[in-house]
Amino acid sequence: MTFKAPDSLAEQIAHHLAERIIRGELKERERIQEQKVTQTLNVSRGSVREALLILERRHLVVILPRRGAQVSELSSSHVESLYSLVIELYVMLACSVARSWREESDLQPFLAIQQRLLENLERGDINAFVESSFDIMRAAFPFAANPYLQETVENLLPAMSRTYHLALERRKGEMSQFIGSFEQLLRAVVGRDETAIREVLLDYGRHNSQLVLAALAER
């Protein structure tokens, strides 16, 4: 049995605010007023401040001297920088799985996620689809056995989720494209083909980055 402590109050507040940022309810550069959050959620100001520090670490807010916290900007340069880093981290994770899996049962979690993605697509559930897509990375963490890589990826996933929502809300058909890329990636992992893994993920990153940039331009 694995013990998992419940999320702290600050983590719960951070999750609540992150969801509002990811869905676009809180706009970029919009100020997050500590007192308003404190009153709305009936929590202490200290917990709100701790939550904002968590969100800063996850690249969803910036905390400015004497001006407080505001939603981080989502510009073309931010998107390009984010994807260029994240795709390299995804390559590291996928290659770790390719090198380490031994039995078909090792790959079962990825097949289960693939099935969930198909179900999310059928329902048109963007929130569940994005969360399931991130479960792919989390399923790869044990193969990498690298706590620094895991922490870095986890802290970047909320910013990635923000870009996914922006793109998918405008082009839901892209969910099918993602599933196709994941199928190609699985084949490369099963074949332990690290060159193909890199090619699939670089193509995926380029495509998604362009999609997000197009959504930003439309906005």
Protein backbone atom coordinates (compact mmCIF):
# COMPACT_ATOMS: atom_id res chain seq x y z
CA MET A 1 0.00 0.00 0.00
CA THR A 2 1.35 3.43 -1.00
CA PHE A 3 0.61 6.30 1.38
CA LYS A 4 -0.42 9.56 -0.27
CA ALA A 5 -0.88 12.59 1.95
CA PRO A 6 -3.84 14.82 1.07
CA ASP A 7 -3.01 18.00 -0.81
CA SER A 8 -2.26 20.95 1.43
CA LEU A 9 -4.67 23.89 1.50
CA ALA A 10 -2.19 25.93 -0.54
CA GLU A 11 -2.05 23.17 -3.18
CA GLN A 12 -5.86 23.08 -3.33
CA ILE A 13 -6.00 26.85 -3.81
CA ALA A 14 -3.27 26.67 -6.45
CA HIS A 15 -5.22 23.94 -8.28
CA HIS A 16 -8.40 26.05 -8.20
CA LEU A 17 -6.64 29.12 -9.60
CA ALA A 18 -4.70 27.04 -12.14
CA GLU A 19 -7.93 25.62 -13.54
CA ARG A 20 -9.30 29.14 -14.01
CA ILE A 21 -6.12 30.24 -15.78
CA ILE A 22 -5.97 27.14 -17.98
CA ARG A 23 -9.61 27.55 -19.04
CA GLY A 24 -9.04 31.23 -19.78
CA GLU A 25 -11.35 32.55 -17.06
CA LEU A 26 -8.39 34.50 -15.70
CA LYS A 27 -6.75 36.32 -18.60
CA GLU A 28 -3.05 36.92 -19.16
CA ARG A 29 -1.66 39.90 -17.24
CA GLU A 30 -4.83 39.96 -15.10
CA ARG A 31 -3.99 40.76 -11.50
CA ILE A 32 -4.84 38.13 -8.90
CA GLN A 33 -5.98 40.00 -5.82
CA GLU A 34 -5.01 38.14 -2.66
CA GLN A 35 -7.79 39.67 -0.59
CA LYS A 36 -10.46 38.75 -3.14
CA VAL A 37 -9.25 35.13 -3.29
CA THR A 38 -9.11 35.03 0.51
CA GLN A 39 -12.72 36.19 0.81
CA THR A 40 -14.05 34.07 -2.05
CA LEU A 41 -12.53 30.82 -0.80
CA ASN A 42 -12.70 31.67 2.91
CA VAL A 43 -9.03 30.89 3.45
CA SER A 44 -6.11 32.66 5.08
CA ARG A 45 -3.99 35.18 3.23
CA GLY A 46 -0.90 33.16 4.03
CA SER A 47 -2.32 30.13 2.24
CA VAL A 48 -3.16 32.26 -0.80
CA ARG A 49 0.38 33.64 -0.91
CA GLU A 50 1.79 30.13 -0.70
CA ALA A 51 -0.54 29.07 -3.52
CA LEU A 52 0.68 31.93 -5.70
CA LEU A 53 4.29 30.86 -5.16
CA ILE A 54 3.31 27.36 -6.33
CA LEU A 55 1.69 28.84 -9.44
CA GLU A 56 4.77 30.94 -10.11
CA ARG A 57 6.89 27.78 -10.00
CA ARG A 58 4.46 26.23 -12.49
CA HIS A 59 4.74 29.22 -14.84
CA LEU A 60 1.10 30.29 -14.62
CA VAL A 61 1.66 33.53 -12.71
CA VAL A 62 4.41 36.05 -12.25
CA ILE A 63 4.89 37.87 -8.95
CA LEU A 64 6.04 41.46 -9.42
CA PRO A 65 7.59 43.66 -6.71
CA ARG A 66 5.01 45.98 -5.15
CA ARG A 67 2.44 44.90 -7.74
CA GLY A 68 1.60 41.38 -6.58
CA ALA A 69 0.71 38.39 -8.75
CA GLN A 70 -0.67 38.45 -12.24
CA VAL A 71 -1.44 35.77 -14.81
CA SER A 72 1.65 35.08 -16.90
CA GLU A 73 1.78 36.18 -20.52
CA LEU A 74 1.19 33.66 -23.30
CA SER A 75 3.04 35.09 -26.30
CA SER A 76 4.48 33.42 -29.39
CA SER A 77 7.99 33.51 -27.91
CA HIS A 78 6.74 31.90 -24.67
CA VAL A 79 5.01 29.13 -26.64
CA GLU A 80 8.07 28.43 -28.80
CA SER A 81 10.38 28.36 -25.78
CA LEU A 82 8.03 26.10 -23.83
CA TYR A 83 7.66 23.55 -26.63
CA SER A 84 11.36 23.46 -27.49
CA LEU A 85 12.13 22.48 -23.89
CA VAL A 86 9.19 20.19 -23.17
CA ILE A 87 9.62 18.09 -26.31
CA GLU A 88 13.23 17.35 -25.34
CA LEU A 89 12.02 16.21 -21.91
CA TYR A 90 9.37 14.02 -23.56
CA VAL A 91 12.10 12.45 -25.73
CA MET A 92 14.11 11.66 -22.61
CA LEU A 93 11.10 9.99 -20.99
CA ALA A 94 10.09 7.99 -24.07
CA CYS A 95 13.65 6.77 -24.61
CA SER A 96 13.81 5.68 -20.97
CA VAL A 97 10.73 3.52 -21.51
CA ALA A 98 12.16 2.10 -24.75
CA ARG A 99 15.38 1.10 -23.01
CA SER A 100 13.79 -0.27 -19.85
CA TRP A 101 10.61 -2.19 -20.69
CA ARG A 102 11.02 -5.96 -20.48
CA GLU A 103 7.58 -7.56 -20.64
CA GLU A 104 4.34 -6.63 -22.37
CA SER A 105 2.81 -5.97 -18.96
CA ASP A 106 5.26 -3.06 -18.57
CA LEU A 107 3.49 -1.33 -21.46
CA GLN A 108 -0.05 -2.01 -20.23
CA PRO A 109 -0.43 1.39 -18.50
CA PHE A 110 0.21 3.13 -21.84
CA LEU A 111 -2.35 0.96 -23.61
CA ALA A 112 -4.90 1.77 -20.89
CA ILE A 113 -4.23 5.49 -21.37
CA GLN A 114 -4.64 5.06 -25.12
CA GLN A 115 -8.10 3.58 -24.51
CA ARG A 116 -9.04 6.47 -22.20
CA LEU A 117 -7.95 8.96 -24.85
CA LEU A 118 -10.26 7.29 -27.38
CA GLU A 119 -13.14 7.46 -24.90
CA ASN A 120 -12.41 11.14 -24.16
CA LEU A 121 -12.36 11.83 -27.91
CA GLU A 122 -15.70 10.09 -28.39
CA ARG A 123 -17.24 12.28 -25.67
CA GLY A 124 -15.49 15.42 -26.90
CA ASP A 125 -14.22 15.96 -23.34
CA ILE A 126 -11.24 18.31 -23.70
CA ASN A 127 -10.45 18.50 -19.96
CA ALA A 128 -10.31 14.71 -19.57
CA PHE A 129 -8.40 14.34 -22.85
CA VAL A 130 -5.67 16.76 -21.78
CA GLU A 131 -5.35 15.13 -18.35
CA SER A 132 -5.15 11.67 -19.91
CA SER A 133 -2.46 12.88 -22.31
CA PHE A 134 -0.36 13.99 -19.35
CA ASP A 135 -0.84 10.59 -17.72
CA ILE A 136 1.40 9.28 -20.50
CA MET A 137 4.35 11.20 -19.06
CA ARG A 138 3.49 10.18 -15.51
CA ALA A 139 3.38 6.52 -16.55
CA ALA A 140 6.91 6.98 -17.94
CA PHE A 141 8.38 8.45 -14.75
CA PRO A 142 9.19 5.07 -13.10
CA PHE A 143 11.17 3.99 -16.19
CA ALA A 144 13.31 7.13 -16.07
CA ALA A 145 13.83 6.95 -12.29
CA ASN A 146 14.99 10.57 -12.38
CA PRO A 147 13.37 12.78 -9.71
CA TYR A 148 14.79 15.96 -11.25
CA LEU A 149 13.29 15.16 -14.64
CA GLN A 150 9.98 14.26 -13.01
CA GLU A 151 9.80 17.49 -11.00
CA THR A 152 10.69 19.61 -14.04
CA VAL A 153 8.04 17.97 -16.21
CA GLU A 154 5.36 18.20 -13.51
CA ASN A 155 6.04 21.92 -13.07
CA LEU A 156 5.74 22.51 -16.82
CA LEU A 157 2.56 20.48 -17.38
CA PRO A 158 0.15 23.24 -16.22
CA ALA A 159 1.66 25.65 -18.75
CA MET A 160 1.36 22.96 -21.43
CA SER A 161 -2.22 22.30 -20.38
CA ARG A 162 -2.97 25.97 -20.91
CA THR A 163 -1.70 25.80 -24.50
CA TYR A 164 -3.56 22.54 -25.20
CA HIS A 165 -6.85 24.02 -24.05
CA LEU A 166 -6.32 27.12 -26.14
CA ALA A 167 -5.74 25.03 -29.27
CA LEU A 168 -8.27 22.24 -28.73
CA GLU A 169 -11.15 24.56 -27.88
CA ARG A 170 -10.77 25.98 -31.38
CA ARG A 171 -9.96 22.74 -33.20
CA LYS A 172 -11.38 19.69 -31.45
CA GLY A 173 -10.42 17.56 -34.44
CA GLU A 174 -6.82 17.82 -33.29
CA MET A 175 -7.55 15.24 -30.60
CA SER A 176 -7.52 12.60 -33.34
CA GLN A 177 -4.15 13.93 -34.53
CA PHE A 178 -2.76 13.53 -31.00
CA ILE A 179 -3.96 9.92 -30.79
CA GLY A 180 -2.30 9.18 -34.14
CA SER A 181 1.00 10.62 -32.87
CA PHE A 182 0.73 8.57 -29.68
CA GLU A 183 0.18 5.38 -31.70
CA GLN A 184 3.34 6.14 -33.71
CA LEU A 185 5.22 6.83 -30.50
CA LEU A 186 4.11 3.54 -28.95
CA ARG A 187 5.31 1.62 -32.00
CA ALA A 188 8.70 3.34 -31.77
CA VAL A 189 8.94 2.57 -28.04
CA VAL A 190 8.03 -1.09 -28.55
CA GLY A 191 10.65 -1.29 -31.30
CA ARG A 192 13.20 0.48 -29.08
CA ASP A 193 13.79 2.86 -31.99
CA GLU A 194 15.12 6.04 -30.37
CA THR A 195 15.60 7.80 -33.71
CA ALA A 196 11.92 7.28 -34.54
CA ILE A 197 10.93 8.40 -31.03
CA ARG A 198 12.73 11.71 -31.55
CA GLU A 199 11.25 12.20 -35.02
CA VAL A 200 7.69 11.49 -33.87
CA LEU A 201 7.95 13.83 -30.90
CA LEU A 202 9.68 16.62 -32.85
CA ASP A 203 6.93 16.45 -35.50
CA TYR A 204 4.30 16.44 -32.78
CA GLY A 205 5.93 19.43 -31.07
CA ARG A 206 6.18 21.43 -34.30
CA HIS A 207 2.57 20.69 -35.20
CA ASN A 208 1.21 21.58 -31.78
CA SER A 209 3.33 24.68 -31.45
CA GLN A 210 2.05 25.95 -34.81
CA LEU A 211 -1.50 25.14 -33.76
CA VAL A 212 -1.16 27.14 -30.54
CA LEU A 213 0.48 30.05 -32.38
CA ALA A 214 -2.41 30.07 -34.86
CA ALA A 215 -4.90 30.11 -31.97
CA LEU A 216 -3.03 33.03 -30.41
CA ALA A 217 -3.13 34.91 -33.72
CA GLU A 218 -6.89 34.34 -34.03
CA ARG A 219 -7.40 35.55 -30.48
